Amino acid sequence: MEIRAVLPGDRAELLALSSRAGAGSPTESVWGHAESEAAVYLTPYFELEPESLFVAVSGGELVGYLAGCVDTAAFPSEEERMRRAIGDHRLFVKRGPLAFFARAGIDAMRPGPAAGELDDPRYPAHLHINLVPEARGTGAADALMARWFARLEQAGAPGCFLQTLVENTRAGKFFERSGFTDHGPTPLVPGLRYRGARVHQRTMVRPSR
């Protein structure tokens, strides 16, 4: 297993990987349109902060990636990236995404805390990590995390956060082993469903030192 920085020539393979990574997990797909989801959770990192994007390579093929950002405040927000993806990919005229956004509108009317990115100066960095099923349990995720922690130390970031789902218990256990702890409430994620049930955001944090 090789862990390395992303290269310009990785783009096409990385985008293809993103549609397979996470298969079987509650976050396998958000609204059922892989290209626009990548436009929110992958391609901005490739374009704006490639020095914080690392890939796992096995047998000459990409099998996982970690997309990070050392300063969330200086990066386009998730809401901004989502708005751009909705417009660029005309998601409101596509059946799957349209159903997601309709559910999201209904869910948003429920009382309680709202899902969203963490704004805490102690944890300015954030990350997304994804592996194809066959790479799980191989040590690739640990190696990607180790490369990311080295990047944070190099950049002088005091800490980082990530957001997963309460219902994604496998991922939660991995993040706990990697030194992350829970932070804040676990709000409903509007629109998202796993096996027909609503899911909840889990924010986790880790100081760099």
Protein backbone atom coordinates (compact mmCIF):
# COMPACT_ATOMS: atom_id res chain seq x y z
CA MET A 1 0.00 0.00 0.00
CA GLU A 2 1.42 3.36 -1.07
CA ILE A 3 0.23 6.68 0.39
CA ARG A 4 1.17 9.71 -1.63
CA ALA A 5 0.10 13.24 -2.50
CA VAL A 6 -2.41 13.56 -5.30
CA LEU A 7 -1.04 14.24 -8.80
CA PRO A 8 -2.68 16.27 -11.58
CA GLY A 9 -3.03 13.10 -13.65
CA ASP A 10 -5.04 11.39 -10.90
CA ARG A 11 -8.16 13.46 -11.48
CA ALA A 12 -10.16 11.09 -13.72
CA GLU A 13 -9.31 8.00 -11.66
CA LEU A 14 -10.01 9.86 -8.43
CA LEU A 15 -13.46 10.93 -9.62
CA ALA A 16 -14.25 7.37 -10.65
CA LEU A 17 -13.05 6.17 -7.25
CA SER A 18 -15.28 8.64 -5.42
CA SER A 19 -18.40 7.02 -6.88
CA ARG A 20 -17.33 3.63 -5.45
CA ALA A 21 -15.75 4.69 -2.17
CA GLY A 22 -17.97 4.40 0.84
CA ALA A 23 -20.08 1.64 -0.73
CA GLY A 24 -22.34 -0.01 1.81
CA SER A 25 -22.00 2.78 4.38
CA PRO A 26 -24.67 5.33 5.38
CA THR A 27 -22.70 7.97 3.46
CA GLU A 28 -22.37 5.94 0.25
CA SER A 29 -24.45 8.60 -1.52
CA VAL A 30 -26.04 11.81 -0.34
CA TRP A 31 -28.64 12.64 -2.99
CA GLY A 32 -27.97 10.00 -5.63
CA HIS A 33 -25.90 11.95 -8.17
CA ALA A 34 -22.22 11.06 -7.95
CA GLU A 35 -20.82 13.83 -10.15
CA SER A 36 -22.43 16.67 -8.20
CA GLU A 37 -21.58 15.07 -4.85
CA ALA A 38 -17.93 14.97 -5.93
CA ALA A 39 -18.25 18.67 -6.80
CA VAL A 40 -19.02 19.31 -3.13
CA TYR A 41 -16.82 16.82 -1.28
CA LEU A 42 -13.84 16.14 -3.57
CA THR A 43 -13.07 18.33 -6.59
CA PRO A 44 -12.81 21.64 -4.66
CA TYR A 45 -10.01 20.08 -2.59
CA PHE A 46 -8.28 18.86 -5.75
CA GLU A 47 -8.49 22.32 -7.28
CA LEU A 48 -7.96 24.60 -4.26
CA GLU A 49 -5.79 22.66 -1.81
CA PRO A 50 -4.12 19.70 -3.54
CA GLU A 51 -1.33 19.74 -0.94
CA SER A 52 -3.91 18.43 1.57
CA LEU A 53 -5.26 15.68 -0.70
CA PHE A 54 -3.68 12.23 -0.33
CA VAL A 55 -4.39 8.96 -2.09
CA ALA A 56 -3.90 5.30 -1.24
CA VAL A 57 -2.57 3.17 -4.08
CA SER A 58 -2.61 -0.62 -4.25
CA GLY A 59 -1.57 -2.67 -7.26
CA GLY A 60 -1.18 0.50 -9.27
CA GLU A 61 -4.79 1.60 -8.65
CA LEU A 62 -6.28 4.23 -6.38
CA VAL A 63 -8.25 2.60 -3.57
CA GLY A 64 -8.86 5.51 -1.22
CA TYR A 65 -8.29 9.17 -0.54
CA LEU A 66 -8.24 11.79 2.20
CA ALA A 67 -9.28 15.31 1.22
CA GLY A 68 -8.36 17.92 3.80
CA CYS A 69 -8.34 21.64 4.40
CA VAL A 70 -6.10 23.27 7.01
CA ASP A 71 -8.26 26.40 7.40
CA THR A 72 -11.99 25.88 6.93
CA ALA A 73 -12.69 29.62 7.20
CA ALA A 74 -10.56 30.28 4.10
CA PHE A 75 -12.24 27.53 2.05
CA PRO A 76 -15.64 27.75 0.29
CA SER A 77 -18.23 26.58 2.81
CA GLU A 78 -20.10 23.32 2.38
CA GLU A 79 -23.29 25.34 1.87
CA GLU A 80 -21.63 27.43 -0.86
CA ARG A 81 -20.22 24.35 -2.59
CA MET A 82 -23.63 22.69 -2.45
CA ARG A 83 -25.41 25.72 -3.92
CA ARG A 84 -22.93 25.77 -6.79
CA ALA A 85 -23.35 22.05 -7.44
CA ILE A 86 -27.14 22.37 -7.44
CA GLY A 87 -27.00 25.06 -10.11
CA ASP A 88 -24.19 23.61 -12.22
CA HIS A 89 -25.79 20.16 -12.37
CA ARG A 90 -29.44 21.27 -12.46
CA LEU A 91 -30.26 19.01 -9.56
CA PHE A 92 -33.77 20.37 -9.09
CA VAL A 93 -34.85 18.73 -12.36
CA LYS A 94 -33.37 15.31 -11.53
CA ARG A 95 -35.62 12.83 -9.77
CA GLY A 96 -33.23 11.48 -7.12
CA PRO A 97 -31.79 14.82 -5.99
CA LEU A 98 -35.24 16.42 -6.16
CA ALA A 99 -36.61 13.85 -3.70
CA PHE A 100 -33.65 14.49 -1.40
CA PHE A 101 -34.20 18.25 -1.37
CA ALA A 102 -37.93 17.81 -0.80
CA ARG A 103 -37.20 15.64 2.24
CA ALA A 104 -34.57 18.14 3.38
CA GLY A 105 -37.14 20.94 3.33
CA ILE A 106 -39.51 18.91 5.48
CA ASP A 107 -36.75 17.81 7.87
CA ALA A 108 -35.54 21.40 8.30
CA MET A 109 -38.86 22.33 9.89
CA ARG A 110 -38.33 19.88 12.75
CA PRO A 111 -37.24 21.47 16.06
CA GLY A 112 -33.71 21.00 17.34
CA PRO A 113 -30.13 21.99 16.49
CA ALA A 114 -29.19 22.36 12.85
CA ALA A 115 -26.54 20.33 11.03
CA GLY A 116 -23.60 22.30 9.68
CA GLU A 117 -19.84 22.79 9.69
CA LEU A 118 -18.03 23.41 12.95
CA ASP A 119 -16.82 26.95 13.63
CA ASP A 120 -14.28 26.66 16.44
CA PRO A 121 -10.80 28.28 16.28
CA ARG A 122 -9.34 25.35 18.20
CA TYR A 123 -10.18 23.06 15.27
CA PRO A 124 -9.80 25.08 12.06
CA ALA A 125 -8.95 22.14 9.78
CA HIS A 126 -11.29 19.45 8.46
CA LEU A 127 -11.15 16.31 6.37
CA HIS A 128 -13.09 13.73 4.37
CA ILE A 129 -11.78 10.18 4.03
CA ASN A 130 -13.09 7.44 1.75
CA LEU A 131 -12.00 3.92 0.82
CA VAL A 132 -13.36 1.31 -1.54
CA PRO A 133 -14.65 -1.77 0.35
CA GLU A 134 -11.72 -3.99 -0.62
CA ALA A 135 -9.25 -1.52 0.94
CA ARG A 136 -10.92 -1.51 4.35
CA GLY A 137 -8.97 -3.33 7.03
CA THR A 138 -5.72 -3.11 5.06
CA GLY A 139 -4.19 -0.24 7.05
CA ALA A 140 -4.85 2.26 4.25
CA ALA A 141 -7.12 4.43 6.39
CA ASP A 142 -4.58 4.58 9.23
CA ALA A 143 -1.82 5.48 6.79
CA LEU A 144 -3.90 8.24 5.20
CA MET A 145 -4.66 9.65 8.64
CA ALA A 146 -0.97 9.57 9.60
CA ARG A 147 -0.13 11.54 6.45
CA TRP A 148 -2.87 14.05 7.27
CA PHE A 149 -1.67 14.52 10.85
CA ALA A 150 1.82 15.19 9.52
CA ARG A 151 0.35 17.77 7.15
CA LEU A 152 -1.44 19.50 10.05
CA GLU A 153 1.78 19.65 12.07
CA GLN A 154 3.65 21.05 9.09
CA ALA A 155 0.95 23.70 8.56
CA GLY A 156 0.83 24.62 12.25
CA ALA A 157 -2.92 23.89 12.53
CA PRO A 158 -3.93 23.51 16.21
CA GLY A 159 -6.57 20.88 15.51
CA CYS A 160 -9.10 19.48 13.10
CA PHE A 161 -12.67 18.28 12.95
CA LEU A 162 -14.60 15.83 10.85
CA GLN A 163 -18.25 15.03 10.46
CA THR A 164 -19.66 11.57 10.09
CA LEU A 165 -23.01 10.00 11.01
CA VAL A 166 -24.06 8.57 14.35
CA GLU A 167 -25.38 5.62 12.36
CA ASN A 168 -22.00 4.97 10.69
CA THR A 169 -20.68 2.98 13.64
CA ARG A 170 -17.74 1.44 11.78
CA ALA A 171 -16.39 4.86 10.81
CA GLY A 172 -17.02 6.21 14.31
CA LYS A 173 -14.93 3.47 15.90
CA PHE A 174 -12.09 4.14 13.46
CA PHE A 175 -12.12 7.86 14.21
CA GLU A 176 -12.11 7.16 17.95
CA ARG A 177 -9.03 4.95 17.49
CA SER A 178 -7.43 7.80 15.55
CA GLY A 179 -7.80 10.12 18.54
CA PHE A 180 -11.02 11.96 17.70
CA THR A 181 -13.64 12.69 20.36
CA ASP A 182 -17.26 13.83 20.12
CA HIS A 183 -18.03 17.54 20.03
CA GLY A 184 -21.46 19.16 20.34
CA PRO A 185 -24.95 17.87 19.55
CA THR A 186 -25.98 15.23 17.01
CA PRO A 187 -28.56 17.01 14.84
CA LEU A 188 -30.70 15.45 12.15
CA VAL A 189 -29.13 15.61 8.67
CA PRO A 190 -31.92 17.04 6.49
CA GLY A 191 -32.92 14.89 3.55
CA LEU A 192 -30.50 12.03 4.12
CA ARG A 193 -31.80 8.52 4.75
CA TYR A 194 -30.13 5.19 5.51
CA ARG A 195 -32.23 2.08 5.07
CA GLY A 196 -35.27 4.31 5.08
CA ALA A 197 -34.51 5.98 8.42
CA ARG A 198 -33.34 9.48 9.28
CA VAL A 199 -29.68 9.93 10.23
CA HIS A 200 -27.79 12.26 12.53
CA GLN A 201 -24.58 14.26 12.20
CA ARG A 202 -21.70 13.37 14.48
CA THR A 203 -18.98 16.01 14.84
CA MET A 204 -15.62 14.81 16.14
CA VAL A 205 -12.47 16.79 16.94
CA ARG A 206 -8.79 16.13 17.53
CA PRO A 207 -6.11 18.58 18.70
CA SER A 208 -2.89 18.44 16.70
CA ARG A 209 -0.79 18.40 19.85
